[in-house]
Amino acid sequence: MRTHFAALLAVLITAGCAVGTAAVVKGAGPDDLLKLRKGPGLNHDIIIGLPDGTRLSRQNCVTNAGKVWCRVSLAEKPSVSGYVSADYLAVR
């Protein structure tokens, strides 16, 4: 059991989803926005679009349909929260 937990923790950290860390949106591109969604997956409604450089606070991450999604809140406005793909998060 301990080995499984260590492996899971390593995957989450590698995916950029260490709990309680600061992050920034990276890789959305100059003409696109990262979608902040109500739930972890593409089938959930979009709350807002986030440009590259947006500062976030990360909470927990989950896997849905083979993709890692992290619950985040805006650093400047913590009341705005939702899920984003971990592929577009960088540690600050």
PDB file of N, CA and C in Angstrom:
ATOM      1  N   MET A   1       0.823  -1.198   0.000  1.00  0.00           N
ATOM      2  CA  MET A   1       0.000   0.000   0.000  1.00  0.00           C
ATOM      3  C   MET A   1       0.861   1.253   0.000  1.00  0.00           C
ATOM      4  N   ARG A   2       1.904   1.262   0.816  1.00  0.00           N
ATOM      5  CA  ARG A   2       2.784   2.423   0.901  1.00  0.00           C
ATOM      6  C   ARG A   2       3.453   2.700  -0.448  1.00  0.00           C
ATOM      7  N   THR A   3       3.834   1.644  -1.160  1.00  0.00           N
ATOM      8  CA  THR A   3       4.448   1.781  -2.474  1.00  0.00           C
ATOM      9  C   THR A   3       3.483   2.419  -3.461  1.00  0.00           C
ATOM     10  N   HIS A   4       2.206   2.036  -3.404  1.00  0.00           N
ATOM     11  CA  HIS A   4       1.201   2.614  -4.303  1.00  0.00           C
ATOM     12  C   HIS A   4       1.013   4.096  -4.017  1.00  0.00           C
ATOM     13  N   PHE A   5       0.996   4.476  -2.743  1.00  0.00           N
ATOM     14  CA  PHE A   5       0.841   5.874  -2.381  1.00  0.00           C
ATOM     15  C   PHE A   5       2.022   6.693  -2.884  1.00  0.00           C
ATOM     16  N   ALA A   6       3.239   6.187  -2.725  1.00  0.00           N
ATOM     17  CA  ALA A   6       4.436   6.894  -3.191  1.00  0.00           C
ATOM     18  C   ALA A   6       4.400   7.072  -4.706  1.00  0.00           C
ATOM     19  N   ALA A   7       3.965   6.031  -5.418  1.00  0.00           N
ATOM     20  CA  ALA A   7       3.875   6.116  -6.874  1.00  0.00           C
ATOM     21  C   ALA A   7       2.831   7.143  -7.295  1.00  0.00           C
ATOM     22  N   LEU A   8       1.683   7.149  -6.627  1.00  0.00           N
ATOM     23  CA  LEU A   8       0.638   8.115  -6.938  1.00  0.00           C
ATOM     24  C   LEU A   8       1.113   9.538  -6.665  1.00  0.00           C
ATOM     25  N   LEU A   9       1.780   9.740  -5.551  1.00  0.00           N
ATOM     26  CA  LEU A   9       2.297  11.063  -5.217  1.00  0.00           C
ATOM     27  C   LEU A   9       3.298  11.529  -6.263  1.00  0.00           C
ATOM     28  N   ALA A  10       4.160  10.642  -6.714  1.00  0.00           N
ATOM     29  CA  ALA A  10       5.142  10.992  -7.745  1.00  0.00           C
ATOM     30  C   ALA A  10       4.454  11.399  -9.040  1.00  0.00           C
ATOM     31  N   VAL A  11       3.389  10.687  -9.412  1.00  0.00           N
ATOM     32  CA  VAL A  11       2.645  11.032 -10.628  1.00  0.00           C
ATOM     33  C   VAL A  11       2.007  12.413 -10.491  1.00  0.00           C
ATOM     34  N   LEU A  12       1.401  12.685  -9.352  1.00  0.00           N
ATOM     35  CA  LEU A  12       0.755  13.980  -9.149  1.00  0.00           C
ATOM     36  C   LEU A  12       1.758  15.124  -9.185  1.00  0.00           C
ATOM     37  N   ILE A  13       2.900  14.943  -8.566  1.00  0.00           N
ATOM     38  CA  ILE A  13       3.911  15.998  -8.575  1.00  0.00           C
ATOM     39  C   ILE A  13       4.445  16.193  -9.982  1.00  0.00           C
ATOM     40  N   THR A  14       4.703  15.111 -10.685  1.00  0.00           N
ATOM     41  CA  THR A  14       5.170  15.195 -12.066  1.00  0.00           C
ATOM     42  C   THR A  14       4.149  15.899 -12.942  1.00  0.00           C
ATOM     43  N   ALA A  15       2.886  15.661 -12.688  1.00  0.00           N
ATOM     44  CA  ALA A  15       1.820  16.277 -13.477  1.00  0.00           C
ATOM     45  C   ALA A  15       1.587  17.723 -13.075  1.00  0.00           C
ATOM     46  N   GLY A  16       2.319  18.211 -12.083  1.00  0.00           N
ATOM     47  CA  GLY A  16       2.161  19.599 -11.672  1.00  0.00           C
ATOM     48  C   GLY A  16       0.977  19.809 -10.757  1.00  0.00           C
ATOM     49  N   CYS A  17       0.680  18.846  -9.903  1.00  0.00           N
ATOM     50  CA  CYS A  17      -0.496  18.956  -9.059  1.00  0.00           C
ATOM     51  C   CYS A  17      -0.204  18.724  -7.588  1.00  0.00           C
ATOM     52  N   ALA A  18       0.906  19.200  -7.098  1.00  0.00           N
ATOM     53  CA  ALA A  18       1.155  19.100  -5.661  1.00  0.00           C
ATOM     54  C   ALA A  18       0.129  19.983  -4.954  1.00  0.00           C
ATOM     55  N   VAL A  19      -0.522  19.436  -3.942  1.00  0.00           N
ATOM     56  CA  VAL A  19      -1.608  20.136  -3.255  1.00  0.00           C
ATOM     57  C   VAL A  19      -1.107  21.387  -2.539  1.00  0.00           C
ATOM     58  N   GLY A  20      -1.849  22.473  -2.673  1.00  0.00           N
ATOM     59  CA  GLY A  20      -1.561  23.709  -1.951  1.00  0.00           C
ATOM     60  C   GLY A  20      -0.421  24.532  -2.509  1.00  0.00           C
ATOM     61  N   THR A  21      -0.069  24.341  -3.753  1.00  0.00           N
ATOM     62  CA  THR A  21       1.039  25.093  -4.328  1.00  0.00           C
ATOM     63  C   THR A  21       0.542  26.174  -5.276  1.00  0.00           C
ATOM     64  N   ALA A  22       1.408  27.148  -5.483  1.00  0.00           N
ATOM     65  CA  ALA A  22       1.101  28.220  -6.429  1.00  0.00           C
ATOM     66  C   ALA A  22       1.458  27.740  -7.830  1.00  0.00           C
ATOM     67  N   ALA A  23       0.675  28.146  -8.797  1.00  0.00           N
ATOM     68  CA  ALA A  23       0.902  27.759 -10.184  1.00  0.00           C
ATOM     69  C   ALA A  23       0.581  28.933 -11.092  1.00  0.00           C
ATOM     70  N   VAL A  24       0.974  28.777 -12.335  1.00  0.00           N
ATOM     71  CA  VAL A  24       0.677  29.785 -13.345  1.00  0.00           C
ATOM     72  C   VAL A  24       0.257  29.056 -14.616  1.00  0.00           C
ATOM     73  N   VAL A  25      -0.673  29.648 -15.365  1.00  0.00           N
ATOM     74  CA  VAL A  25      -1.106  29.082 -16.641  1.00  0.00           C
ATOM     75  C   VAL A  25       0.030  29.236 -17.641  1.00  0.00           C
ATOM     76  N   LYS A  26       0.388  28.130 -18.302  1.00  0.00           N
ATOM     77  CA  LYS A  26       1.473  28.147 -19.269  1.00  0.00           C
ATOM     78  C   LYS A  26       1.148  27.219 -20.425  1.00  0.00           C
ATOM     79  N   GLY A  27       1.264  27.706 -21.639  1.00  0.00           N
ATOM     80  CA  GLY A  27       1.091  26.863 -22.811  1.00  0.00           C
ATOM     81  C   GLY A  27      -0.246  26.993 -23.518  1.00  0.00           C
ATOM     82  N   ALA A  28      -1.111  27.877 -23.035  1.00  0.00           N
ATOM     83  CA  ALA A  28      -2.397  28.076 -23.724  1.00  0.00           C
ATOM     84  C   ALA A  28      -2.177  28.745 -25.069  1.00  0.00           C
ATOM     85  N   GLY A  29      -1.136  29.551 -25.159  1.00  0.00           N
ATOM     86  CA  GLY A  29      -0.806  30.232 -26.407  1.00  0.00           C
ATOM     87  C   GLY A  29      -1.258  31.678 -26.412  1.00  0.00           C
ATOM     88  N   PRO A  30      -0.667  32.479 -27.287  1.00  0.00           N
ATOM     89  CA  PRO A  30      -0.969  33.915 -27.301  1.00  0.00           C
ATOM     90  C   PRO A  30      -2.388  34.252 -27.766  1.00  0.00           C
ATOM     91  N   ASP A  31      -2.983  33.366 -28.538  1.00  0.00           N
ATOM     92  CA  ASP A  31      -4.322  33.639 -29.074  1.00  0.00           C
ATOM     93  C   ASP A  31      -5.382  32.709 -28.511  1.00  0.00           C
ATOM     94  N   ASP A  32      -5.105  32.082 -27.359  1.00  0.00           N
ATOM     95  CA  ASP A  32      -6.061  31.136 -26.794  1.00  0.00           C
ATOM     96  C   ASP A  32      -6.118  31.313 -25.279  1.00  0.00           C
ATOM     97  N   LEU A  33      -7.125  30.719 -24.678  1.00  0.00           N
ATOM     98  CA  LEU A  33      -7.317  30.782 -23.226  1.00  0.00           C
ATOM     99  C   LEU A  33      -7.504  29.376 -22.685  1.00  0.00           C
ATOM    100  N   LEU A  34      -6.964  29.131 -21.493  1.00  0.00           N
ATOM    101  CA  LEU A  34      -7.198  27.876 -20.796  1.00  0.00           C
ATOM    102  C   LEU A  34      -8.574  27.961 -20.148  1.00  0.00           C
ATOM    103  N   LYS A  35      -9.393  26.957 -20.376  1.00  0.00           N
ATOM    104  CA  LYS A  35     -10.760  26.973 -19.842  1.00  0.00           C
ATOM    105  C   LYS A  35     -10.788  26.502 -18.401  1.00  0.00           C
ATOM    106  N   LEU A  36     -11.306  27.343 -17.515  1.00  0.00           N
ATOM    107  CA  LEU A  36     -11.582  26.969 -16.128  1.00  0.00           C
ATOM    108  C   LEU A  36     -12.981  26.378 -16.148  1.00  0.00           C
ATOM    109  N   ARG A  37     -13.100  25.119 -15.749  1.00  0.00           N
ATOM    110  CA  ARG A  37     -14.365  24.390 -15.860  1.00  0.00           C
ATOM    111  C   ARG A  37     -14.964  24.079 -14.496  1.00  0.00           C
ATOM    112  N   LYS A  38     -16.278  23.837 -14.485  1.00  0.00           N
ATOM    113  CA  LYS A  38     -16.998  23.532 -13.244  1.00  0.00           C
ATOM    114  C   LYS A  38     -16.628  22.165 -12.685  1.00  0.00           C
ATOM    115  N   GLY A  39     -16.141  21.270 -13.503  1.00  0.00           N
ATOM    116  CA  GLY A  39     -15.766  19.934 -13.068  1.00  0.00           C
ATOM    117  C   GLY A  39     -14.555  19.438 -13.836  1.00  0.00           C
ATOM    118  N   PRO A  40     -14.013  18.291 -13.451  1.00  0.00           N
ATOM    119  CA  PRO A  40     -12.802  17.762 -14.074  1.00  0.00           C
ATOM    120  C   PRO A  40     -13.067  17.004 -15.372  1.00  0.00           C
ATOM    121  N   GLY A  41     -13.149  17.716 -16.475  1.00  0.00           N
ATOM    122  CA  GLY A  41     -13.361  17.081 -17.769  1.00  0.00           C
ATOM    123  C   GLY A  41     -13.915  18.058 -18.781  1.00  0.00           C
ATOM    124  N   LEU A  42     -13.762  17.703 -20.045  1.00  0.00           N
ATOM    125  CA  LEU A  42     -14.225  18.564 -21.131  1.00  0.00           C
ATOM    126  C   LEU A  42     -15.741  18.678 -21.204  1.00  0.00           C
ATOM    127  N   ASN A  43     -16.443  17.763 -20.567  1.00  0.00           N
ATOM    128  CA  ASN A  43     -17.907  17.785 -20.613  1.00  0.00           C
ATOM    129  C   ASN A  43     -18.519  18.767 -19.606  1.00  0.00           C
ATOM    130  N   HIS A  44     -17.706  19.404 -18.798  1.00  0.00           N
ATOM    131  CA  HIS A  44     -18.210  20.357 -17.802  1.00  0.00           C
ATOM    132  C   HIS A  44     -18.221  21.780 -18.361  1.00  0.00           C
ATOM    133  N   ASP A  45     -19.175  22.574 -17.882  1.00  0.00           N
ATOM    134  CA  ASP A  45     -19.322  23.948 -18.353  1.00  0.00           C
ATOM    135  C   ASP A  45     -18.066  24.778 -18.069  1.00  0.00           C
ATOM    136  N   ILE A  46     -17.818  25.747 -18.949  1.00  0.00           N
ATOM    137  CA  ILE A  46     -16.695  26.671 -18.798  1.00  0.00           C
ATOM    138  C   ILE A  46     -17.124  27.826 -17.903  1.00  0.00           C
ATOM    139  N   ILE A  47     -16.293  28.143 -16.930  1.00  0.00           N
ATOM    140  CA  ILE A  47     -16.545  29.275 -16.033  1.00  0.00           C
ATOM    141  C   ILE A  47     -15.943  30.545 -16.630  1.00  0.00           C
ATOM    142  N   ILE A  48     -14.686  30.439 -17.062  1.00  0.00           N
ATOM    143  CA  ILE A  48     -13.960  31.598 -17.592  1.00  0.00           C
ATOM    144  C   ILE A  48     -12.742  31.099 -18.356  1.00  0.00           C
ATOM    145  N   GLY A  49     -12.210  31.917 -19.249  1.00  0.00           N
ATOM    146  CA  GLY A  49     -10.969  31.608 -19.955  1.00  0.00           C
ATOM    147  C   GLY A  49      -9.807  32.308 -19.272  1.00  0.00           C
ATOM    148  N   LEU A  50      -8.690  31.613 -19.140  1.00  0.00           N
ATOM    149  CA  LEU A  50      -7.522  32.146 -18.447  1.00  0.00           C
ATOM    150  C   LEU A  50      -6.344  32.277 -19.407  1.00  0.00           C
ATOM    151  N   PRO A  51      -5.781  33.469 -19.551  1.00  0.00           N
ATOM    152  CA  PRO A  51      -4.619  33.631 -20.428  1.00  0.00           C
ATOM    153  C   PRO A  51      -3.338  33.117 -19.769  1.00  0.00           C
ATOM    154  N   ASP A  52      -2.320  32.848 -20.591  1.00  0.00           N
ATOM    155  CA  ASP A  52      -1.006  32.493 -20.061  1.00  0.00           C
ATOM    156  C   ASP A  52      -0.580  33.535 -19.031  1.00  0.00           C
ATOM    157  N   GLY A  53       0.047  33.077 -17.972  1.00  0.00           N
ATOM    158  CA  GLY A  53       0.533  33.976 -16.929  1.00  0.00           C
ATOM    159  C   GLY A  53      -0.430  34.176 -15.776  1.00  0.00           C
ATOM    160  N   THR A  54      -1.670  33.683 -15.904  1.00  0.00           N
ATOM    161  CA  THR A  54      -2.638  33.823 -14.816  1.00  0.00           C
ATOM    162  C   THR A  54      -2.142  33.054 -13.598  1.00  0.00           C
ATOM    163  N   ARG A  55      -2.090  33.722 -12.451  1.00  0.00           N
ATOM    164  CA  ARG A  55      -1.627  33.090 -11.213  1.00  0.00           C
ATOM    165  C   ARG A  55      -2.780  32.350 -10.539  1.00  0.00           C
ATOM    166  N   LEU A  56      -2.496  31.102 -10.129  1.00  0.00           N
ATOM    167  CA  LEU A  56      -3.504  30.228  -9.537  1.00  0.00           C
ATOM    168  C   LEU A  56      -2.983  29.606  -8.251  1.00  0.00           C
ATOM    169  N   SER A  57      -3.917  29.141  -7.437  1.00  0.00           N
ATOM    170  CA  SER A  57      -3.604  28.324  -6.271  1.00  0.00           C
ATOM    171  C   SER A  57      -4.184  26.943  -6.527  1.00  0.00           C
ATOM    172  N   ARG A  58      -3.335  25.907  -6.474  1.00  0.00           N
ATOM    173  CA  ARG A  58      -3.769  24.535  -6.757  1.00  0.00           C
ATOM    174  C   ARG A  58      -4.240  23.839  -5.499  1.00  0.00           C
ATOM    175  N   GLN A  59      -5.296  23.045  -5.652  1.00  0.00           N
ATOM    176  CA  GLN A  59      -5.741  22.152  -4.588  1.00  0.00           C
ATOM    177  C   GLN A  59      -5.525  20.719  -5.061  1.00  0.00           C
ATOM    178  N   ASN A  60      -6.524  19.884  -4.958  1.00  0.00           N
ATOM    179  CA  ASN A  60      -6.386  18.479  -5.334  1.00  0.00           C
ATOM    180  C   ASN A  60      -6.489  18.274  -6.836  1.00  0.00           C
ATOM    181  N   CYS A  61      -5.963  17.135  -7.292  1.00  0.00           N
ATOM    182  CA  CYS A  61      -6.034  16.759  -8.698  1.00  0.00           C
ATOM    183  C   CYS A  61      -6.676  15.379  -8.828  1.00  0.00           C
ATOM    184  N   VAL A  62      -7.333  15.163  -9.951  1.00  0.00           N
ATOM    185  CA  VAL A  62      -7.987  13.889 -10.232  1.00  0.00           C
ATOM    186  C   VAL A  62      -7.712  13.510 -11.688  1.00  0.00           C
ATOM    187  N   THR A  63      -7.886  12.236 -11.978  1.00  0.00           N
ATOM    188  CA  THR A  63      -7.746  11.768 -13.357  1.00  0.00           C
ATOM    189  C   THR A  63      -9.121  11.443 -13.898  1.00  0.00           C
ATOM    190  N   ASN A  64      -9.401  11.935 -15.104  1.00  0.00           N
ATOM    191  CA  ASN A  64     -10.676  11.700 -15.763  1.00  0.00           C
ATOM    192  C   ASN A  64     -10.385  11.443 -17.235  1.00  0.00           C
ATOM    193  N   ALA A  65     -10.775  10.281 -17.720  1.00  0.00           N
ATOM    194  CA  ALA A  65     -10.579   9.903 -19.126  1.00  0.00           C
ATOM    195  C   ALA A  65      -9.105  10.020 -19.538  1.00  0.00           C
ATOM    196  N   GLY A  66      -8.218   9.629 -18.631  1.00  0.00           N
ATOM    197  CA  GLY A  66      -6.793   9.628 -18.945  1.00  0.00           C
ATOM    198  C   GLY A  66      -6.100  10.971 -18.829  1.00  0.00           C
ATOM    199  N   LYS A  67      -6.805  12.018 -18.431  1.00  0.00           N
ATOM    200  CA  LYS A  67      -6.218  13.358 -18.271  1.00  0.00           C
ATOM    201  C   LYS A  67      -6.245  13.738 -16.800  1.00  0.00           C
ATOM    202  N   VAL A  68      -5.213  14.449 -16.355  1.00  0.00           N
ATOM    203  CA  VAL A  68      -5.153  14.935 -14.983  1.00  0.00           C
ATOM    204  C   VAL A  68      -5.741  16.343 -14.947  1.00  0.00           C
ATOM    205  N   TRP A  69      -6.700  16.533 -14.038  1.00  0.00           N
ATOM    206  CA  TRP A  69      -7.370  17.820 -13.851  1.00  0.00           C
ATOM    207  C   TRP A  69      -7.120  18.288 -12.419  1.00  0.00           C
ATOM    208  N   CYS A  70      -6.773  19.554 -12.260  1.00  0.00           N
ATOM    209  CA  CYS A  70      -6.517  20.097 -10.930  1.00  0.00           C
ATOM    210  C   CYS A  70      -7.560  21.145 -10.581  1.00  0.00           C
ATOM    211  N   ARG A  71      -8.011  21.076  -9.335  1.00  0.00           N
ATOM    212  CA  ARG A  71      -8.905  22.115  -8.819  1.00  0.00           C
ATOM    213  C   ARG A  71      -8.027  23.302  -8.455  1.00  0.00           C
ATOM    214  N   VAL A  72      -8.389  24.466  -8.962  1.00  0.00           N
ATOM    215  CA  VAL A  72      -7.605  25.675  -8.734  1.00  0.00           C
ATOM    216  C   VAL A  72      -8.534  26.829  -8.378  1.00  0.00           C
ATOM    217  N   SER A  73      -7.937  27.861  -7.802  1.00  0.00           N
ATOM    218  CA  SER A  73      -8.653  29.121  -7.617  1.00  0.00           C
ATOM    219  C   SER A  73      -7.727  30.235  -8.081  1.00  0.00           C
ATOM    220  N   LEU A  74      -8.315  31.330  -8.500  1.00  0.00           N
ATOM    221  CA  LEU A  74      -7.514  32.470  -8.942  1.00  0.00           C
ATOM    222  C   LEU A  74      -6.787  33.063  -7.748  1.00  0.00           C
ATOM    223  N   ALA A  75      -5.496  33.344  -7.898  1.00  0.00           N
ATOM    224  CA  ALA A  75      -4.715  33.929  -6.808  1.00  0.00           C
ATOM    225  C   ALA A  75      -5.255  35.307  -6.439  1.00  0.00           C
ATOM    226  N   GLU A  76      -5.682  36.066  -7.438  1.00  0.00           N
ATOM    227  CA  GLU A  76      -6.176  37.425  -7.216  1.00  0.00           C
ATOM    228  C   GLU A  76      -7.626  37.464  -6.724  1.00  0.00           C
ATOM    229  N   LYS A  77      -8.359  36.376  -6.968  1.00  0.00           N
ATOM    230  CA  LYS A  77      -9.772  36.322  -6.590  1.00  0.00           C
ATOM    231  C   LYS A  77     -10.117  34.874  -6.217  1.00  0.00           C
ATOM    232  N   PRO A  78      -9.753  34.444  -4.989  1.00  0.00           N
ATOM    233  CA  PRO A  78      -9.923  33.042  -4.583  1.00  0.00           C
ATOM    234  C   PRO A  78     -11.349  32.514  -4.645  1.00  0.00           C
ATOM    235  N   SER A  79     -12.336  33.389  -4.685  1.00  0.00           N
ATOM    236  CA  SER A  79     -13.721  32.921  -4.771  1.00  0.00           C
ATOM    237  C   SER A  79     -14.035  32.316  -6.146  1.00  0.00           C
ATOM    238  N   VAL A  80     -13.189  32.576  -7.142  1.00  0.00           N
ATOM    239  CA  VAL A  80     -13.366  31.998  -8.474  1.00  0.00           C
ATOM    240  C   VAL A  80     -12.512  30.733  -8.532  1.00  0.00           C
ATOM    241  N   SER A  81     -13.192  29.577  -8.606  1.00  0.00           N
ATOM    242  CA  SER A  81     -12.462  28.317  -8.614  1.00  0.00           C
ATOM    243  C   SER A  81     -13.126  27.318  -9.549  1.00  0.00           C
ATOM    244  N   GLY A  82     -12.364  26.328  -9.935  1.00  0.00           N
ATOM    245  CA  GLY A  82     -12.849  25.279 -10.822  1.00  0.00           C
ATOM    246  C   GLY A  82     -11.706  24.350 -11.167  1.00  0.00           C
ATOM    247  N   TYR A  83     -11.811  23.667 -12.292  1.00  0.00           N
ATOM    248  CA  TYR A  83     -10.815  22.688 -12.713  1.00  0.00           C
ATOM    249  C   TYR A  83     -10.172  23.091 -14.033  1.00  0.00           C
ATOM    250  N   VAL A  84      -8.860  22.827 -14.134  1.00  0.00           N
ATOM    251  CA  VAL A  84      -8.120  23.034 -15.381  1.00  0.00           C
ATOM    252  C   VAL A  84      -7.271  21.801 -15.645  1.00  0.00           C
ATOM    253  N   SER A  85      -6.904  21.607 -16.889  1.00  0.00           N
ATOM    254  CA  SER A  85      -6.008  20.518 -17.246  1.00  0.00           C
ATOM    255  C   SER A  85      -4.624  20.790 -16.672  1.00  0.00           C
ATOM    256  N   ALA A  86      -4.044  19.784 -16.031  1.00  0.00           N
ATOM    257  CA  ALA A  86      -2.707  19.922 -15.446  1.00  0.00           C
ATOM    258  C   ALA A  86      -1.648  20.159 -16.526  1.00  0.00           C
ATOM    259  N   ASP A  87      -1.949  19.826 -17.767  1.00  0.00           N
ATOM    260  CA  ASP A  87      -1.004  20.034 -18.867  1.00  0.00           C
ATOM    261  C   ASP A  87      -0.632  21.503 -19.043  1.00  0.00           C
ATOM    262  N   TYR A  88      -1.457  22.403 -18.556  1.00  0.00           N
ATOM    263  CA  TYR A  88      -1.244  23.835 -18.760  1.00  0.00           C
ATOM    264  C   TYR A  88      -0.885  24.569 -17.472  1.00  0.00           C
ATOM    265  N   LEU A  89      -0.353  23.841 -16.498  1.00  0.00           N
ATOM    266  CA  LEU A  89       0.058  24.459 -15.234  1.00  0.00           C
ATOM    267  C   LEU A  89       1.566  24.337 -15.076  1.00  0.00           C
ATOM    268  N   ALA A  90       2.165  25.411 -14.575  1.00  0.00           N
ATOM    269  CA  ALA A  90       3.590  25.406 -14.245  1.00  0.00           C
ATOM    270  C   ALA A  90       3.736  25.886 -12.810  1.00  0.00           C
ATOM    271  N   VAL A  91       4.678  25.310 -12.080  1.00  0.00           N
ATOM    272  CA  VAL A  91       4.930  25.724 -10.708  1.00  0.00           C
ATOM    273  C   VAL A  91       5.536  27.118 -10.723  1.00  0.00           C
ATOM    274  N   ARG A  92       5.049  27.943  -9.810  1.00  0.00           N
ATOM    275  CA  ARG A  92       5.550  29.319  -9.717  1.00  0.00           C
ATOM    276  C   ARG A  92       6.702  29.387  -8.767  1.00  0.00           C
TER     277      ARG A  92
END
